[in-house]
Amino acid sequence: MQSALDSTALMVSKNAASLTSEQIQSSAQSYFLALFTRTEAKNVKFTTSYSTSGGSSLVVNASADMDTDFMGVLGYKTITVVSASTAKWGSSRLRVALVLDTTGSMSDDGKIVALKTATKNLLTQLQGAVTINGDVYVSIIPFSKNVNLDPSNYAGNWIDWTDWESEPAILKTSKPNNWNQIGPGSSCPFTSSNYGFRCTADPANNSASVSTIPASGSYSGYICPGVDGGNKDSTKIGIYYNGCYNSVPTTTTSTNTICSGWSCSCGNLSNCSCTGNGNSKICKQTVTTTGAPYTHNWIKNDHSTWNGCVTDRGTLSAPSSDYDRLTTASNTNVTATLFPAEQNLYCSPTVMGLSYNWSSISGQVDSLYPEGATNQPIGLVWGWQSLVGGGPLSAPAKNSSYTYIDVIILLSDGLNTLDRWYGNGSTTNTSVDARMYDSTGKGTCANIKAAGVTIYAVQVNTGGDPTSLLLKNCASTADKFFLLTSASQIITTFNTIGTNLTQLRIAQ
């Protein structure tokens, strides 16, 4: 009886989540009676109980009466045999942050296409491990030099607008020669490769660049930010036309008294005239002075024009108190804890916090596009942030009836080239690396692992780059680092990770 019950519990548990209680009872009873064939057992009874509280469990019970031999002389003609078996699964819940490189190089060798396919396959695997909503949550964290927290969140009190609003240093200290001569009709003093500025006929249209500052129309005299190739001076600008310079000539006219009395002679003075009559005359000279031909005023754009990107936490000049490597809650009284708005032209796709809306998550994957430079540390810390909550992201409370497995899957095809403070966007920068994992073993990776989060690190190396020791060291264990040499391997690797994760959740 015990053997039959054990087999029944294991077999029916495979499909229990998709069956009604009546179907579970019927299926389990049929299976049990097919296995339990002892003819001496009489009055066989069988019951089931299925629960999804604190994981899934299926309890099967059976009883039967059996005639006695020797005990009959003592008055016990039958005894009742009772047995039970319990199958439990899914008492663990998964929370998975997919930290995905969406930099420009992901457009090469079919990588972005393979990434989307692999991610959707992984989502299907994770969804298949779900018994009830909330068993598995997934967040999507695309990254390049920055992460995109969604422009609709511009009113959030966790945003630091200091850099975004401030006049770029190039315009404060190193303005073009003869700056006061630059105005409507002048040749443009900037190009797209010169501090990120250009002259435009329409500030709202970044593509409408012109070689001469407009001399008429609504945007007469405007010089506007045009691109952000990673230059620190041009990343502090609100939007393409935020910070436009409006050049206006100024003229001052004054009237000075030259003499007064019974007589007046202007002599060689220009613009001189005598007024009055008789014995009362006043001689005056009108003088026109022209100051700087044009004034140039920094115009801050409204926060609602923000495109959603934030860069690394800290101060303008350097990291501060490791806020860029931690998930410390933002505090309006400590500016360095806020997330600095950055109007980077190459803003990454929007992040999506933890969710089990599988259709929406899949749609978010479809929206991924490749653009920008590589800053793995910011993607990694926001993957962690999505698991604990912060900024615009919330993490649902954990139910004490379950155990939770928090996971970050970090995939990148490049080496770190640019963050808020270091790098040029084209060559590997060890200072950016150090924010993620430094020579002493400190950094974002170590902080995440210390918090009990498991890290899978995947390097997609189709360009012959060196093996990333940074990613290798960042992975929780050696078997959680994957070095891939083709885009197609992204699909098989994500399948392997998905199989591992679903087994972790279901096994009991």
Protein backbone atom coordinates (compact mmCIF):
# COMPACT_ATOMS: atom_id res chain seq x y z
CA MET A 1 0.00 0.00 0.00
CA GLN A 2 2.80 2.42 0.89
CA SER A 3 4.63 1.73 -2.36
CA ALA A 4 1.46 2.27 -4.39
CA LEU A 5 0.74 5.54 -2.59
CA ASP A 6 4.29 6.84 -3.15
CA SER A 7 4.08 6.11 -6.88
CA THR A 8 0.63 7.68 -7.09
CA ALA A 9 1.71 10.89 -5.36
CA LEU A 10 4.71 11.31 -7.65
CA MET A 11 2.77 10.57 -10.83
CA VAL A 12 -0.25 12.81 -10.15
CA SER A 13 1.88 15.70 -8.86
CA LYS A 14 3.21 16.23 -12.41
CA ASN A 15 -0.17 17.56 -13.59
CA ALA A 16 -1.87 18.55 -10.34
CA ALA A 17 -1.63 22.29 -10.99
CA SER A 18 -3.74 21.99 -14.14
CA LEU A 19 -6.44 19.74 -12.63
CA THR A 20 -9.52 20.40 -10.52
CA SER A 21 -9.80 18.73 -7.11
CA GLU A 22 -12.29 16.25 -8.54
CA GLN A 23 -9.92 15.41 -11.40
CA ILE A 24 -7.03 14.95 -8.97
CA GLN A 25 -9.12 12.56 -6.85
CA SER A 26 -10.30 10.56 -9.84
CA SER A 27 -6.88 10.34 -11.51
CA ALA A 28 -5.05 9.47 -8.30
CA GLN A 29 -7.60 6.83 -7.26
CA SER A 30 -7.47 5.13 -10.65
CA TYR A 31 -3.68 5.06 -10.57
CA PHE A 32 -3.57 3.76 -6.98
CA LEU A 33 -6.09 0.97 -7.55
CA ALA A 34 -4.16 -0.14 -10.61
CA LEU A 35 -1.07 -0.58 -8.43
CA PHE A 36 -2.62 -1.84 -5.20
CA THR A 37 -3.97 -5.30 -6.13
CA ARG A 38 -3.87 -7.17 -2.84
CA THR A 39 -7.06 -9.29 -2.84
CA GLU A 40 -7.02 -9.80 0.94
CA ALA A 41 -7.59 -6.07 1.41
CA LYS A 42 -11.27 -5.25 1.88
CA ASN A 43 -13.22 -2.00 2.09
CA VAL A 44 -10.41 -0.01 0.43
CA LYS A 45 -10.76 3.74 0.87
CA PHE A 46 -8.71 6.45 -0.86
CA THR A 47 -8.57 10.27 -0.50
CA THR A 48 -6.43 13.13 -1.81
CA SER A 49 -5.62 16.64 -0.67
CA TYR A 50 -3.89 19.27 -2.84
CA SER A 51 -2.57 22.60 -1.55
CA THR A 52 -0.59 25.51 -3.02
CA SER A 53 0.14 27.24 0.29
CA GLY A 54 3.89 27.68 0.80
CA GLY A 55 4.57 25.68 -2.34
CA SER A 56 2.59 22.83 -3.83
CA SER A 57 1.83 19.61 -1.97
CA LEU A 58 -0.26 16.55 -2.75
CA VAL A 59 -1.25 14.19 0.07
CA VAL A 60 -2.74 10.79 -0.75
CA ASN A 61 -4.27 8.57 1.94
CA ALA A 62 -5.49 4.97 1.81
CA SER A 63 -6.97 2.49 4.23
CA ALA A 64 -8.18 -1.12 3.98
CA ASP A 65 -9.50 -3.86 6.27
CA MET A 66 -7.71 -7.20 6.52
CA ASP A 67 -8.98 -10.45 8.09
CA THR A 68 -6.86 -11.75 10.96
CA ASP A 69 -5.75 -15.30 11.78
CA PHE A 70 -4.18 -15.57 15.25
CA MET A 71 -5.76 -12.34 16.56
CA GLY A 72 -9.18 -13.76 15.90
CA VAL A 73 -9.02 -15.87 19.08
CA LEU A 74 -8.68 -12.61 20.97
CA GLY A 75 -11.77 -11.16 19.34
CA TYR A 76 -10.06 -9.08 16.65
CA LYS A 77 -11.42 -10.57 13.44
CA THR A 78 -10.16 -7.65 11.23
CA ILE A 79 -7.60 -4.89 11.48
CA THR A 80 -7.44 -1.67 9.48
CA VAL A 81 -4.29 -0.81 7.56
CA VAL A 82 -3.71 2.95 7.05
CA SER A 83 -1.00 4.68 5.05
CA ALA A 84 -0.24 8.08 3.47
CA SER A 85 2.26 9.71 1.15
CA THR A 86 3.08 13.38 0.51
CA ALA A 87 4.71 14.92 -2.52
CA LYS A 88 5.90 18.51 -2.09
CA TRP A 89 7.38 20.79 -4.72
CA GLY A 90 7.75 24.43 -5.58
CA SER A 91 8.36 25.69 -2.03
CA SER A 92 11.11 27.84 -3.52
CA ARG A 93 10.33 30.95 -5.52
CA LEU A 94 12.50 32.57 -8.16
CA ARG A 95 13.28 36.21 -8.80
CA VAL A 96 15.42 36.67 -11.87
CA ALA A 97 16.97 39.91 -13.14
CA LEU A 98 18.02 39.73 -16.79
CA VAL A 99 20.82 42.29 -17.20
CA LEU A 100 21.27 42.53 -20.96
CA ASP A 101 23.94 44.36 -22.94
CA THR A 102 22.25 46.50 -25.60
CA THR A 103 25.33 48.44 -26.71
CA GLY A 104 26.05 49.22 -30.34
CA SER A 105 28.23 46.16 -30.90
CA MET A 106 25.28 43.88 -30.15
CA SER A 107 24.07 44.70 -33.67
CA ASP A 108 27.02 42.69 -35.07
CA ASP A 109 26.99 38.98 -35.96
CA GLY A 110 23.27 38.55 -35.23
CA LYS A 111 23.75 38.95 -31.48
CA ILE A 112 20.76 41.15 -30.69
CA VAL A 113 18.45 38.84 -32.65
CA ALA A 114 19.82 35.75 -30.89
CA LEU A 115 19.53 37.51 -27.52
CA LYS A 116 15.83 38.19 -28.08
CA THR A 117 15.18 34.60 -29.11
CA ALA A 118 17.16 33.20 -26.20
CA THR A 119 15.45 35.48 -23.69
CA LYS A 120 11.98 34.55 -24.91
CA ASN A 121 12.84 30.85 -24.71
CA LEU A 122 14.08 31.39 -21.17
CA LEU A 123 10.86 33.17 -20.25
CA THR A 124 8.89 30.17 -21.56
CA GLN A 125 10.95 27.84 -19.38
CA LEU A 126 10.45 30.01 -16.31
CA GLN A 127 6.74 30.36 -16.93
CA GLY A 128 6.50 26.57 -17.20
CA ALA A 129 7.84 26.28 -13.66
CA VAL A 130 4.98 28.39 -12.27
CA THR A 131 2.19 26.84 -10.23
CA ILE A 132 0.57 30.05 -9.05
CA ASN A 133 1.25 33.71 -9.86
CA GLY A 134 4.23 34.98 -7.94
CA ASP A 135 6.22 31.75 -8.08
CA VAL A 136 8.56 33.40 -10.59
CA TYR A 137 9.23 37.10 -11.14
CA VAL A 138 11.46 38.48 -13.90
CA SER A 139 12.93 41.95 -14.49
CA ILE A 140 14.50 43.20 -17.73
CA ILE A 141 17.48 45.57 -17.33
CA PRO A 142 18.99 46.68 -20.66
CA PHE A 143 22.16 48.75 -20.32
CA SER A 144 24.75 50.65 -22.31
CA LYS A 145 26.64 53.55 -20.72
CA ASN A 146 23.44 54.19 -18.77
CA VAL A 147 20.07 52.69 -17.93
CA ASN A 148 16.71 54.09 -18.96
CA LEU A 149 14.22 54.49 -16.09
CA ASP A 150 11.40 55.70 -18.37
CA PRO A 151 10.83 59.39 -19.19
CA SER A 152 7.38 59.27 -17.59
CA ASN A 153 9.09 59.13 -14.18
CA TYR A 154 10.56 62.64 -14.52
CA ALA A 155 8.72 63.85 -11.38
CA GLY A 156 10.42 61.25 -9.16
CA ASN A 157 12.13 62.68 -6.07
CA TRP A 158 14.95 60.14 -6.54
CA ILE A 159 16.36 61.98 -9.59
CA ASP A 160 19.40 64.26 -9.33
CA TRP A 161 19.01 67.09 -11.87
CA THR A 162 22.22 68.93 -10.98
CA ASP A 163 24.29 67.85 -13.98
CA TRP A 164 21.33 67.84 -16.34
CA GLU A 165 20.54 71.49 -15.65
CA SER A 166 24.02 72.94 -15.30
CA GLU A 167 25.77 74.91 -18.02
CA PRO A 168 28.50 72.74 -19.56
CA ALA A 169 32.02 73.67 -18.52
CA ILE A 170 33.10 74.24 -22.11
CA LEU A 171 30.67 77.15 -22.30
CA LYS A 172 31.75 78.56 -18.96
CA THR A 173 35.51 78.52 -19.28
CA SER A 174 36.51 77.84 -22.86
CA LYS A 175 34.04 79.64 -25.05
CA PRO A 176 35.02 80.09 -28.71
CA ASN A 177 37.27 82.97 -29.67
CA ASN A 178 35.40 86.26 -30.12
CA TRP A 179 32.39 84.72 -28.43
CA ASN A 180 30.71 88.12 -28.15
CA GLN A 181 30.75 88.38 -31.93
CA ILE A 182 28.84 85.13 -32.41
CA GLY A 183 25.16 85.70 -33.01
CA PRO A 184 22.43 85.44 -35.63
CA GLY A 185 23.99 85.00 -39.06
CA SER A 186 27.42 83.98 -37.67
CA SER A 187 29.17 80.80 -38.68
CA CYS A 188 28.41 77.97 -36.28
CA PRO A 189 31.22 77.77 -33.67
CA PHE A 190 30.51 74.11 -32.91
CA THR A 191 30.24 70.88 -34.83
CA SER A 192 28.88 67.51 -33.83
CA SER A 193 32.39 66.47 -32.83
CA ASN A 194 33.08 69.67 -30.91
CA TYR A 195 31.68 69.30 -27.37
CA GLY A 196 28.42 67.88 -28.66
CA PHE A 197 26.99 71.20 -29.88
CA ARG A 198 25.70 72.31 -33.24
CA CYS A 199 23.67 75.11 -34.73
CA THR A 200 20.16 74.22 -35.72
CA ALA A 201 17.24 75.67 -37.58
CA ASP A 202 14.89 73.84 -35.23
CA PRO A 203 15.95 72.94 -31.66
CA ALA A 204 13.28 70.22 -31.48
CA ASN A 205 14.80 68.41 -34.44
CA ASN A 206 18.31 67.18 -33.81
CA SER A 207 18.86 66.35 -37.47
CA ALA A 208 18.21 69.91 -38.64
CA SER A 209 21.79 71.13 -38.25
CA VAL A 210 23.00 74.19 -40.15
CA SER A 211 26.42 75.76 -40.71
CA THR A 212 25.22 79.25 -39.85
CA ILE A 213 23.35 80.40 -36.76
CA PRO A 214 19.80 81.26 -37.88
CA ALA A 215 19.42 85.01 -38.33
CA SER A 216 15.64 85.09 -38.44
CA GLY A 217 12.60 83.11 -37.38
CA SER A 218 11.61 81.65 -34.04
CA TYR A 219 15.07 80.23 -33.37
CA SER A 220 17.19 83.19 -34.39
CA GLY A 221 20.54 83.04 -32.61
CA TYR A 222 20.14 79.59 -31.14
CA ILE A 223 23.12 77.26 -30.68
CA CYS A 224 22.02 73.87 -29.42
CA PRO A 225 23.39 70.57 -28.12
CA GLY A 226 23.44 68.07 -30.93
CA VAL A 227 25.05 64.75 -30.02
CA ASP A 228 26.65 62.95 -27.13
CA GLY A 229 29.58 60.81 -28.14
CA GLY A 230 30.55 60.22 -24.54
CA ASN A 231 32.22 63.57 -23.88
CA LYS A 232 31.54 64.45 -20.26
CA ASP A 233 30.83 68.08 -21.12
CA SER A 234 27.98 67.16 -23.42
CA THR A 235 26.27 64.57 -21.25
CA LYS A 236 24.92 67.13 -18.81
CA ILE A 237 22.42 68.57 -21.28
CA GLY A 238 18.69 68.18 -20.89
CA ILE A 239 17.61 67.53 -24.44
CA TYR A 240 18.82 68.30 -27.93
CA TYR A 241 17.66 71.87 -27.58
CA ASN A 242 18.07 72.22 -23.82
CA GLY A 243 20.71 74.84 -23.10
CA CYS A 244 20.25 76.75 -26.35
CA TYR A 245 22.02 80.09 -26.48
CA ASN A 246 19.84 82.97 -27.55
CA SER A 247 22.12 85.74 -28.91
CA VAL A 248 20.71 89.24 -28.55
CA PRO A 249 22.65 92.46 -29.42
CA THR A 250 22.49 95.19 -26.79
CA THR A 251 22.64 99.01 -27.33
CA THR A 252 22.73 101.73 -24.69
CA THR A 253 21.86 105.38 -25.50
CA SER A 254 22.64 108.21 -23.09
CA THR A 255 22.31 112.01 -23.24
CA ASN A 256 25.08 114.06 -21.61
CA THR A 257 25.01 117.79 -20.89
CA ILE A 258 28.02 119.49 -22.49
CA CYS A 259 27.48 123.07 -21.29
CA SER A 260 24.83 125.51 -20.24
CA GLY A 261 24.73 129.24 -19.99
CA TRP A 262 24.39 132.29 -22.19
CA SER A 263 26.17 130.77 -25.13
CA CYS A 264 26.89 127.36 -26.55
CA SER A 265 29.20 126.10 -29.23
CA CYS A 266 29.25 122.40 -30.19
CA GLY A 267 32.53 122.80 -31.94
CA ASN A 268 33.75 119.42 -33.30
CA LEU A 269 31.55 117.29 -31.06
CA SER A 270 29.44 114.79 -32.95
CA ASN A 271 25.74 114.39 -32.39
CA CYS A 272 25.75 117.78 -30.67
CA SER A 273 22.81 120.14 -30.71
CA CYS A 274 21.91 123.42 -29.03
CA THR A 275 18.50 123.92 -27.60
CA GLY A 276 16.74 126.88 -26.02
CA ASN A 277 16.34 130.51 -27.07
CA GLY A 278 17.30 133.93 -26.08
CA ASN A 279 19.83 134.08 -23.33
CA SER A 280 19.16 130.48 -22.10
CA LYS A 281 20.74 127.77 -24.20
CA ILE A 282 21.74 124.18 -23.37
CA CYS A 283 24.25 122.30 -25.46
CA LYS A 284 23.86 118.47 -25.37
CA GLN A 285 25.69 115.49 -26.88
CA THR A 286 23.90 112.15 -27.53
CA VAL A 287 26.29 109.19 -27.14
CA THR A 288 25.51 105.61 -28.22
CA THR A 289 27.59 102.87 -26.62
CA THR A 290 27.54 99.28 -27.69
CA GLY A 291 28.60 96.61 -25.24
CA ALA A 292 29.18 93.02 -26.25
CA PRO A 293 27.20 92.62 -29.46
CA TYR A 294 25.43 89.51 -28.14
CA THR A 295 24.59 88.00 -24.80
CA HIS A 296 24.48 84.22 -24.48
CA ASN A 297 22.14 82.78 -21.88
CA TRP A 298 21.95 79.13 -20.86
CA ILE A 299 18.35 77.97 -21.16
CA LYS A 300 17.33 75.01 -19.00
CA ASN A 301 14.69 72.80 -20.52
CA ASP A 302 11.75 71.45 -18.54
CA HIS A 303 12.29 68.15 -16.75
CA SER A 304 9.44 66.65 -18.77
CA THR A 305 11.76 66.63 -21.80
CA TRP A 306 14.10 64.11 -20.13
CA ASN A 307 14.55 60.92 -22.17
CA GLY A 308 14.74 58.67 -19.11
CA CYS A 309 18.47 57.93 -18.82
CA VAL A 310 20.43 57.99 -15.58
CA THR A 311 24.14 57.51 -15.05
CA ASP A 312 26.25 56.25 -12.13
CA ARG A 313 25.50 57.57 -8.63
CA GLY A 314 28.04 59.78 -6.93
CA THR A 315 29.29 63.30 -7.54
CA LEU A 316 30.14 64.99 -10.82
CA SER A 317 33.86 64.45 -10.30
CA ALA A 318 34.08 60.95 -8.79
CA PRO A 319 32.25 58.08 -7.04
CA SER A 320 31.03 58.88 -3.55
CA SER A 321 30.62 56.48 -0.60
CA ASP A 322 30.26 53.56 -3.03
CA TYR A 323 26.68 54.54 -3.85
CA ASP A 324 27.29 53.45 -7.45
CA ARG A 325 28.10 49.93 -6.18
CA LEU A 326 25.26 49.59 -3.67
CA THR A 327 21.46 49.69 -3.52
CA THR A 328 21.38 52.28 -0.74
CA ALA A 329 17.98 53.97 -0.64
CA SER A 330 17.90 57.41 -2.24
CA ASN A 331 17.75 60.33 0.17
CA THR A 332 16.80 63.82 -0.96
CA ASN A 333 19.10 65.24 1.71
CA VAL A 334 22.13 63.43 0.26
CA THR A 335 22.48 64.31 -3.41
CA ALA A 336 25.02 61.57 -4.11
CA THR A 337 22.38 58.93 -3.27
CA LEU A 338 20.08 60.19 -6.03
CA PHE A 339 20.19 58.93 -9.60
CA PRO A 340 21.72 61.54 -11.96
CA ALA A 341 19.61 62.34 -15.01
CA GLU A 342 21.60 62.23 -18.24
CA GLN A 343 20.32 63.13 -21.68
CA ASN A 344 22.62 60.78 -23.53
CA LEU A 345 21.78 60.58 -27.23
CA TYR A 346 22.47 56.82 -27.09
CA CYS A 347 20.01 56.14 -24.28
CA SER A 348 19.45 52.43 -23.70
CA PRO A 349 16.01 50.74 -23.88
CA THR A 350 13.67 51.15 -20.91
CA VAL A 351 14.04 48.87 -17.89
CA MET A 352 11.18 46.76 -16.58
CA GLY A 353 10.89 45.91 -12.90
CA LEU A 354 9.92 42.54 -11.45
CA SER A 355 6.79 41.15 -13.07
CA TYR A 356 5.01 37.89 -13.86
CA ASN A 357 3.02 39.42 -16.72
CA TRP A 358 4.66 37.18 -19.29
CA SER A 359 3.13 38.92 -22.27
CA SER A 360 4.41 42.32 -21.14
CA ILE A 361 7.87 40.93 -20.39
CA SER A 362 8.03 39.38 -23.85
CA GLY A 363 6.99 42.69 -25.39
CA GLN A 364 9.77 44.42 -23.49
CA VAL A 365 12.27 41.99 -25.01
CA ASP A 366 10.93 42.79 -28.49
CA SER A 367 11.67 46.49 -27.89
CA LEU A 368 15.41 46.00 -27.28
CA TYR A 369 17.77 47.82 -29.66
CA PRO A 370 21.58 48.11 -29.80
CA GLU A 371 23.21 51.50 -29.20
CA GLY A 372 25.90 53.13 -27.05
CA ALA A 373 29.06 52.25 -25.13
CA THR A 374 29.60 49.56 -22.47
CA ASN A 375 29.20 50.11 -18.73
CA GLN A 376 28.54 46.70 -17.17
CA PRO A 377 28.69 48.05 -13.58
CA ILE A 378 25.60 50.22 -14.00
CA GLY A 379 23.63 47.38 -15.57
CA LEU A 380 24.67 45.01 -12.80
CA VAL A 381 23.79 47.34 -9.94
CA TRP A 382 20.38 48.06 -11.49
CA GLY A 383 19.76 44.33 -11.85
CA TRP A 384 20.35 44.11 -8.11
CA GLN A 385 18.24 47.21 -7.56
CA SER A 386 15.32 45.55 -9.36
CA LEU A 387 15.46 42.65 -6.89
CA VAL A 388 15.37 44.87 -3.79
CA GLY A 389 13.44 47.87 -5.13
CA GLY A 390 14.48 51.49 -5.43
CA GLY A 391 13.91 54.54 -7.61
CA PRO A 392 10.92 53.73 -9.83
CA LEU A 393 11.27 49.96 -9.27
CA SER A 394 9.41 48.06 -6.59
CA ALA A 395 10.09 44.55 -5.33
CA PRO A 396 7.02 42.65 -4.05
CA ALA A 397 7.17 41.56 -0.43
CA LYS A 398 8.38 38.02 0.20
CA ASN A 399 6.07 35.43 1.77
CA SER A 400 7.62 33.75 4.80
CA SER A 401 6.02 30.45 3.75
CA TYR A 402 8.49 30.20 0.86
CA THR A 403 12.21 30.25 0.38
CA TYR A 404 13.45 32.63 -2.32
CA ILE A 405 16.20 32.28 -4.89
CA ASP A 406 17.41 35.65 -6.22
CA VAL A 407 19.35 35.49 -9.47
CA ILE A 408 21.06 37.92 -11.85
CA ILE A 409 21.90 36.80 -15.38
CA LEU A 410 24.42 39.26 -16.82
CA LEU A 411 25.12 39.01 -20.55
CA SER A 412 27.61 41.27 -22.33
CA ASP A 413 29.48 41.11 -25.61
CA GLY A 414 32.12 43.69 -24.81
CA LEU A 415 34.62 45.09 -22.37
CA ASN A 416 33.91 48.17 -20.27
CA THR A 417 34.69 51.41 -22.11
CA LEU A 418 32.76 54.27 -20.49
CA ASP A 419 30.95 55.34 -17.34
CA ARG A 420 30.11 58.68 -15.78
CA TRP A 421 33.73 59.46 -14.89
CA TYR A 422 36.09 57.26 -16.87
CA GLY A 423 36.72 56.07 -20.42
CA ASN A 424 36.21 57.25 -23.99
CA GLY A 425 33.63 54.78 -25.26
CA SER A 426 35.96 52.93 -27.62
CA THR A 427 38.76 51.28 -25.61
CA THR A 428 38.77 49.15 -22.49
CA ASN A 429 39.02 51.15 -19.28
CA THR A 430 40.29 49.53 -16.09
CA SER A 431 38.82 52.29 -13.92
CA VAL A 432 35.33 51.33 -15.11
CA ASP A 433 36.17 47.67 -14.43
CA ALA A 434 37.23 48.53 -10.89
CA ARG A 435 33.78 49.85 -10.01
CA MET A 436 32.49 46.34 -10.72
CA TYR A 437 35.32 44.28 -9.24
CA ASP A 438 38.64 45.73 -8.10
CA SER A 439 42.00 44.18 -7.28
CA THR A 440 41.07 43.78 -3.62
CA GLY A 441 37.96 41.78 -4.44
CA LYS A 442 35.60 44.64 -3.66
CA GLY A 443 32.97 46.09 -5.94
CA THR A 444 29.41 45.63 -7.16
CA CYS A 445 29.89 41.90 -7.86
CA ALA A 446 31.18 41.18 -4.36
CA ASN A 447 28.40 43.25 -2.79
CA ILE A 448 25.73 41.38 -4.72
CA LYS A 449 27.11 37.95 -3.85
CA ALA A 450 27.41 38.96 -0.19
CA ALA A 451 23.70 39.80 -0.28
CA GLY A 452 22.92 36.19 -1.25
CA VAL A 453 22.17 36.81 -4.92
CA THR A 454 23.44 34.25 -7.45
CA ILE A 455 25.19 35.72 -10.51
CA TYR A 456 25.40 34.01 -13.89
CA ALA A 457 27.83 35.85 -16.20
CA VAL A 458 27.81 35.32 -19.96
CA GLN A 459 30.46 36.76 -22.29
CA VAL A 460 29.53 36.73 -25.98
CA ASN A 461 32.91 36.98 -27.64
CA THR A 462 32.42 36.95 -31.41
CA GLY A 463 35.10 39.57 -32.06
CA GLY A 464 38.17 37.83 -30.69
CA ASP A 465 38.39 39.88 -27.50
CA PRO A 466 40.28 38.44 -24.52
CA THR A 467 38.31 36.33 -22.07
CA SER A 468 36.79 38.71 -19.57
CA LEU A 469 38.36 37.86 -16.22
CA LEU A 470 36.05 40.51 -14.80
CA LEU A 471 32.93 38.57 -15.81
CA LYS A 472 34.54 35.29 -14.86
CA ASN A 473 35.32 36.55 -11.36
CA CYS A 474 31.92 38.14 -11.07
CA ALA A 475 30.06 34.85 -11.56
CA SER A 476 29.05 33.18 -8.29
CA THR A 477 30.93 29.97 -9.15
CA ALA A 478 33.10 28.79 -12.04
CA ASP A 479 30.24 26.80 -13.58
CA LYS A 480 28.14 29.96 -13.78
CA PHE A 481 30.49 31.73 -16.21
CA PHE A 482 29.93 31.06 -19.91
CA LEU A 483 32.28 32.11 -22.71
CA LEU A 484 30.48 32.08 -26.06
CA THR A 485 32.02 32.53 -29.50
CA SER A 486 28.86 32.69 -31.62
CA ALA A 487 25.47 34.34 -31.37
CA SER A 488 23.66 31.01 -31.61
CA GLN A 489 25.29 29.89 -28.37
CA ILE A 490 23.29 32.53 -26.52
CA ILE A 491 20.19 30.42 -27.17
CA THR A 492 21.68 27.15 -25.90
CA THR A 493 23.31 28.83 -22.89
CA PHE A 494 20.10 30.52 -21.77
CA ASN A 495 18.37 27.14 -22.16
CA THR A 496 20.97 25.56 -19.86
CA ILE A 497 20.55 28.31 -17.28
CA GLY A 498 16.76 28.07 -17.52
CA THR A 499 16.83 24.31 -16.94
CA ASN A 500 19.03 24.81 -13.90
CA LEU A 501 16.78 27.49 -12.44
CA THR A 502 13.53 25.58 -12.94
CA GLN A 503 15.02 22.48 -11.30
CA LEU A 504 16.09 24.62 -8.34
CA ARG A 505 12.54 25.84 -7.93
CA ILE A 506 10.66 22.61 -8.41
CA ALA A 507 12.91 20.07 -6.72
CA GLN A 508 12.03 19.12 -3.12
